[in-house]
């Protein structure tokens, strides 16, 4: 579910995959810890064109940081790379680096706490021709126990490792590879501007009552992908894909 934290509706559907757009506190240029000045404090979708096109950046480096015991499924990371290679115009390519960071003492985390962890630990930032993207895998869950992931800034996403592990990989459960890849791809879809949060719609296909989601029930960006129904589906079904309308929006904004 895509929502702004200060505008929560207590009647909104509980979700597995949640994409929260923090209101940009300031879009002034600032210095990252490596001295670069590309703003990572924009709202979700604020770097969609930079991610999709090659007008400014010819490569992407994804930094995945994880807390001890919650390293991401390697096959799922490869599926994410394949997903992005098919959609992004990056002639130099897409690379992934991984690093273990200290565990959190909190069993549950808010978006602000996740952002604070990123600020303390992130090392990959945007350089001259390479755009930096950040994923965090935590050792705990979100304040809503059903949530598996959040996209909270223009280049920042978090997956709640314990919640993913508790709901996958065992007898009668969904494949951990498929569940992790589904969350990774869905959240990345949001920072690519879907739906209508940075990549303009060519045809109206936004499921407005459910936030920045597609109204096609078979699409990766459909809101029900975020509900517990996805667990049963992934036991026998494949990872959902982007539908024609979502693909058209990405192409219009510089993607393949």
Protein backbone atom coordinates (compact mmCIF):
# COMPACT_ATOMS: atom_id res chain seq x y z
CA UNK A 1 0.00 0.00 0.00
CA UNK A 2 1.33 3.39 -0.99
CA UNK A 3 0.63 6.06 1.57
CA UNK A 4 2.07 9.08 3.30
CA UNK A 5 2.62 8.38 6.99
CA UNK A 6 0.92 11.55 8.20
CA UNK A 7 -2.20 10.81 6.16
CA UNK A 8 -2.98 7.28 7.33
CA UNK A 9 -6.61 6.20 7.12
CA UNK A 10 -7.48 3.75 9.87
CA UNK A 11 -9.82 1.95 7.50
CA UNK A 12 -7.20 1.28 4.80
CA UNK A 13 -6.44 -2.34 3.87
CA UNK A 14 -3.63 -4.00 5.79
CA UNK A 15 -0.92 -4.93 3.31
CA UNK A 16 2.10 -7.16 2.83
CA UNK A 17 3.99 -4.83 0.58
CA UNK A 18 3.69 -1.19 1.56
CA UNK A 19 5.17 1.76 -0.25
CA UNK A 20 5.25 4.87 1.93
CA UNK A 21 6.07 8.21 0.37
CA UNK A 22 7.65 10.46 2.92
CA UNK A 23 6.87 14.09 2.28
CA UNK A 24 10.09 15.71 1.07
CA UNK A 25 11.28 17.81 3.94
CA UNK A 26 13.63 19.75 1.75
CA UNK A 27 14.86 19.34 -1.80
CA UNK A 28 17.93 21.50 -1.39
CA UNK A 29 21.22 19.98 -2.41
CA UNK A 30 23.08 18.45 0.48
CA UNK A 31 26.19 16.41 1.03
CA UNK A 32 26.04 12.65 1.51
CA UNK A 33 28.62 10.94 3.66
CA UNK A 34 30.81 10.39 0.58
CA UNK A 35 30.67 14.07 -0.37
CA UNK A 36 28.20 13.66 -3.25
CA UNK A 37 25.20 15.95 -3.50
CA UNK A 38 22.46 13.92 -5.23
CA UNK A 39 19.35 14.25 -3.07
CA UNK A 40 18.05 10.96 -1.67
CA UNK A 41 15.37 12.77 0.35
CA UNK A 42 12.83 13.13 -2.44
CA UNK A 43 9.49 11.35 -2.35
CA UNK A 44 8.97 7.90 -3.86
CA UNK A 45 9.09 8.25 -7.65
CA UNK A 46 11.21 11.40 -7.49
CA UNK A 47 14.09 9.71 -9.36
CA UNK A 48 11.98 7.64 -11.75
CA UNK A 49 13.33 9.20 -14.94
CA UNK A 50 16.92 9.04 -13.69
CA UNK A 51 16.44 5.33 -12.97
CA UNK A 52 14.69 4.49 -16.23
CA UNK A 53 16.56 6.56 -18.80
CA UNK A 54 20.18 7.02 -19.75
CA UNK A 55 19.97 10.78 -20.14
CA UNK A 56 22.05 11.34 -16.99
CA UNK A 57 23.13 7.96 -15.62
CA UNK A 58 24.41 4.97 -17.60
CA UNK A 59 24.61 2.51 -14.70
CA UNK A 60 23.03 1.69 -11.35
CA UNK A 61 24.65 0.31 -8.23
CA UNK A 62 22.29 -1.27 -5.71
CA UNK A 63 23.52 -1.53 -2.15
CA UNK A 64 21.82 -4.26 -0.12
CA UNK A 65 22.52 -4.10 3.59
CA UNK A 66 21.20 -6.83 5.84
CA UNK A 67 21.19 -7.61 9.51
CA UNK A 68 22.83 -10.83 10.74
CA UNK A 69 20.88 -13.93 9.73
CA UNK A 70 18.72 -12.08 7.20
CA UNK A 71 20.82 -11.92 4.07
CA UNK A 72 18.54 -11.86 1.03
CA UNK A 73 17.89 -14.95 -1.05
CA UNK A 74 20.58 -14.93 -3.77
CA UNK A 75 18.27 -16.23 -6.49
CA UNK A 76 15.74 -13.49 -5.68
CA UNK A 77 18.43 -10.82 -6.07
CA UNK A 78 19.31 -12.26 -9.48
CA UNK A 79 15.64 -12.16 -10.47
CA UNK A 80 15.54 -8.49 -9.46
CA UNK A 81 18.54 -7.79 -11.68
CA UNK A 82 16.84 -9.54 -14.59
CA UNK A 83 13.66 -7.53 -13.96
CA UNK A 84 15.58 -4.25 -13.99
CA UNK A 85 17.76 -5.13 -16.97
CA UNK A 86 14.61 -5.68 -19.00
CA UNK A 87 13.15 -2.29 -18.07
CA UNK A 88 15.99 0.20 -17.54
CA UNK A 89 18.18 1.87 -20.14
CA UNK A 90 21.57 1.43 -18.50
CA UNK A 91 24.21 0.50 -21.09
CA UNK A 92 27.00 0.10 -18.52
CA UNK A 93 24.81 -2.20 -16.43
CA UNK A 94 23.39 -2.89 -13.00
CA UNK A 95 25.57 -4.07 -10.13
CA UNK A 96 24.69 -5.22 -6.62
CA UNK A 97 26.89 -5.01 -3.54
CA UNK A 98 25.96 -6.51 -0.17
CA UNK A 99 27.06 -5.86 3.37
CA UNK A 100 26.05 -7.09 6.82
CA UNK A 101 25.28 -4.40 9.38
CA UNK A 102 24.53 -4.60 13.13
CA UNK A 103 21.14 -5.95 14.13
CA UNK A 104 18.44 -3.64 15.41
CA UNK A 105 17.39 -3.93 19.03
CA UNK A 106 13.80 -3.16 18.03
CA UNK A 107 11.47 -6.02 17.22
CA UNK A 108 9.41 -3.71 15.04
CA UNK A 109 10.45 -0.63 13.13
CA UNK A 110 8.78 2.52 11.85
CA UNK A 111 9.66 4.11 8.53
CA UNK A 112 11.55 6.85 10.35
CA UNK A 113 13.64 4.26 12.21
CA UNK A 114 14.40 2.51 8.93
CA UNK A 115 15.49 5.84 7.41
CA UNK A 116 17.72 6.48 10.42
CA UNK A 117 19.41 3.09 9.96
CA UNK A 118 20.03 3.92 6.32
CA UNK A 119 21.50 7.29 7.22
CA UNK A 120 23.91 5.66 9.65
CA UNK A 121 25.02 2.81 7.40
CA UNK A 122 24.53 3.56 3.69
CA UNK A 123 27.76 3.75 1.68
CA UNK A 124 26.64 3.71 -1.98
CA UNK A 125 25.56 7.06 -3.37
CA UNK A 126 25.09 8.58 -6.80
CA UNK A 127 28.25 9.57 -8.62
CA UNK A 128 28.95 11.21 -11.98
CA UNK A 129 27.31 8.56 -14.21
CA UNK A 130 26.17 5.94 -11.70
CA UNK A 131 22.95 6.14 -9.71
CA UNK A 132 22.98 4.65 -6.22
CA UNK A 133 20.01 2.71 -4.81
CA UNK A 134 19.58 1.30 -1.30
CA UNK A 135 17.81 -1.77 0.11
CA UNK A 136 17.74 -2.71 3.80
CA UNK A 137 16.83 -6.17 5.11
CA UNK A 138 15.96 -6.00 8.81
CA UNK A 139 15.97 -8.58 11.59
CA UNK A 140 12.51 -7.49 12.71
CA UNK A 141 9.15 -6.51 11.33
CA UNK A 142 7.12 -3.44 10.55
CA UNK A 143 4.69 -1.88 13.02
CA UNK A 144 1.96 -3.57 10.96
CA UNK A 145 2.93 -7.23 11.28
CA UNK A 146 1.58 -8.12 7.82
CA UNK A 147 3.84 -5.73 5.94
CA UNK A 148 6.84 -7.19 4.11
CA UNK A 149 8.39 -4.13 2.49
CA UNK A 150 8.34 -0.36 2.13
CA UNK A 151 9.65 2.11 -0.44
CA UNK A 152 10.10 5.32 1.50
CA UNK A 153 12.32 7.66 -0.51
CA UNK A 154 13.33 8.15 -4.14
CA UNK A 155 16.20 5.63 -3.94
CA UNK A 156 15.42 3.81 -0.69
CA UNK A 157 13.52 0.62 0.15
CA UNK A 158 13.31 -1.79 3.06
CA UNK A 159 12.31 -5.46 3.33
CA UNK A 160 11.43 -6.88 6.73
CA UNK A 161 13.54 -10.02 6.79
CA UNK A 162 11.98 -11.79 9.74
CA UNK A 163 8.47 -11.39 8.38
CA UNK A 164 9.57 -12.73 5.00
CA UNK A 165 11.38 -15.69 6.59
CA UNK A 166 8.42 -16.50 8.85
CA UNK A 167 6.12 -16.69 5.83
CA UNK A 168 8.24 -18.61 3.31
CA UNK A 169 10.60 -21.48 2.75
CA UNK A 170 8.97 -24.16 4.88
CA UNK A 171 6.62 -27.03 4.04
CA UNK A 172 3.29 -25.65 2.87
CA UNK A 173 4.66 -22.12 2.49
CA UNK A 174 5.60 -20.04 -0.52
CA UNK A 175 9.07 -20.28 -1.99
CA UNK A 176 11.39 -17.79 -0.30
CA UNK A 177 12.91 -16.95 -3.66
CA UNK A 178 9.53 -16.10 -5.18
CA UNK A 179 8.28 -14.17 -2.15
CA UNK A 180 11.46 -12.13 -1.79
CA UNK A 181 11.65 -11.40 -5.52
CA UNK A 182 7.99 -10.33 -5.54
CA UNK A 183 8.61 -7.82 -2.75
CA UNK A 184 11.84 -6.55 -4.31
CA UNK A 185 10.25 -6.04 -7.72
CA UNK A 186 7.04 -4.49 -6.38
CA UNK A 187 8.88 -1.95 -4.23
CA UNK A 188 11.27 -1.12 -7.06
CA UNK A 189 8.22 -0.62 -9.26
CA UNK A 190 7.14 2.16 -6.94
CA UNK A 191 10.46 4.03 -7.06
CA UNK A 192 10.24 3.70 -10.85
CA UNK A 193 7.13 5.86 -10.50
CA UNK A 194 4.32 3.29 -10.54
CA UNK A 195 1.51 3.94 -10.42
CA UNK A 196 1.32 7.65 -11.31
CA UNK A 197 3.90 8.74 -8.72
CA UNK A 198 6.71 9.83 -11.04
CA UNK A 199 5.90 7.94 -14.24
CA UNK A 200 2.87 9.57 -15.82
CA UNK A 201 0.02 7.32 -16.89
CA UNK A 202 -0.76 7.12 -20.61
CA UNK A 203 -4.05 5.41 -19.84
CA UNK A 204 -5.85 5.75 -16.53
CA UNK A 205 -5.19 2.48 -14.74
CA UNK A 206 -4.64 3.70 -11.18
CA UNK A 207 -6.57 1.98 -8.41
CA UNK A 208 -6.90 5.22 -6.45
CA UNK A 209 -8.77 3.77 -3.43
CA UNK A 210 -5.75 1.55 -2.83
CA UNK A 211 -3.02 4.10 -3.41
CA UNK A 212 -0.36 3.97 -6.13
CA UNK A 213 -1.44 0.64 -7.56
CA UNK A 214 -2.65 -0.79 -10.85
CA UNK A 215 -6.28 -1.75 -11.37
CA UNK A 216 -5.33 -4.97 -13.21
CA UNK A 217 -5.59 -7.91 -10.81
CA UNK A 218 -2.93 -9.82 -12.77
CA UNK A 219 -0.31 -7.03 -12.56
CA UNK A 220 2.70 -6.92 -10.23
CA UNK A 221 1.49 -3.50 -9.06
CA UNK A 222 -2.07 -4.61 -8.18
CA UNK A 223 -2.90 -3.87 -4.54
CA UNK A 224 -3.89 -7.47 -3.74
CA UNK A 225 -0.27 -8.50 -4.33
CA UNK A 226 0.20 -6.79 -0.98
CA UNK A 227 -2.31 -8.90 0.92
CA UNK A 228 -1.89 -12.32 2.48
CA UNK A 229 -3.50 -13.77 -0.66
CA UNK A 230 -0.11 -13.50 -2.36
CA UNK A 231 1.31 -16.23 -0.11
CA UNK A 232 -1.12 -18.85 -1.33
CA UNK A 233 -0.76 -17.71 -4.92
CA UNK A 234 3.04 -18.01 -4.85
CA UNK A 235 2.91 -21.62 -3.66
CA UNK A 236 1.85 -22.67 -7.16
CA UNK A 237 1.92 -19.48 -9.24
CA UNK A 238 4.72 -17.42 -10.71
CA UNK A 239 5.94 -13.98 -9.68
CA UNK A 240 3.42 -11.44 -11.03
CA UNK A 241 4.60 -9.31 -13.95
CA UNK A 242 3.91 -5.74 -15.00
CA UNK A 243 0.92 -5.34 -17.29
CA UNK A 244 0.82 -3.44 -20.58
CA UNK A 245 -0.28 -0.16 -18.98
CA UNK A 246 2.52 -0.16 -16.39
CA UNK A 247 5.06 -1.06 -19.07
CA UNK A 248 3.80 1.78 -21.27
CA UNK A 249 4.19 4.26 -18.40
CA UNK A 250 7.81 3.19 -17.85
CA UNK A 251 8.62 3.47 -21.55
CA UNK A 252 7.11 6.95 -21.71
CA UNK A 253 9.41 7.98 -18.86
CA UNK A 254 12.61 6.70 -20.46
CA UNK A 255 12.49 2.96 -19.86
CA UNK A 256 12.63 0.07 -22.32
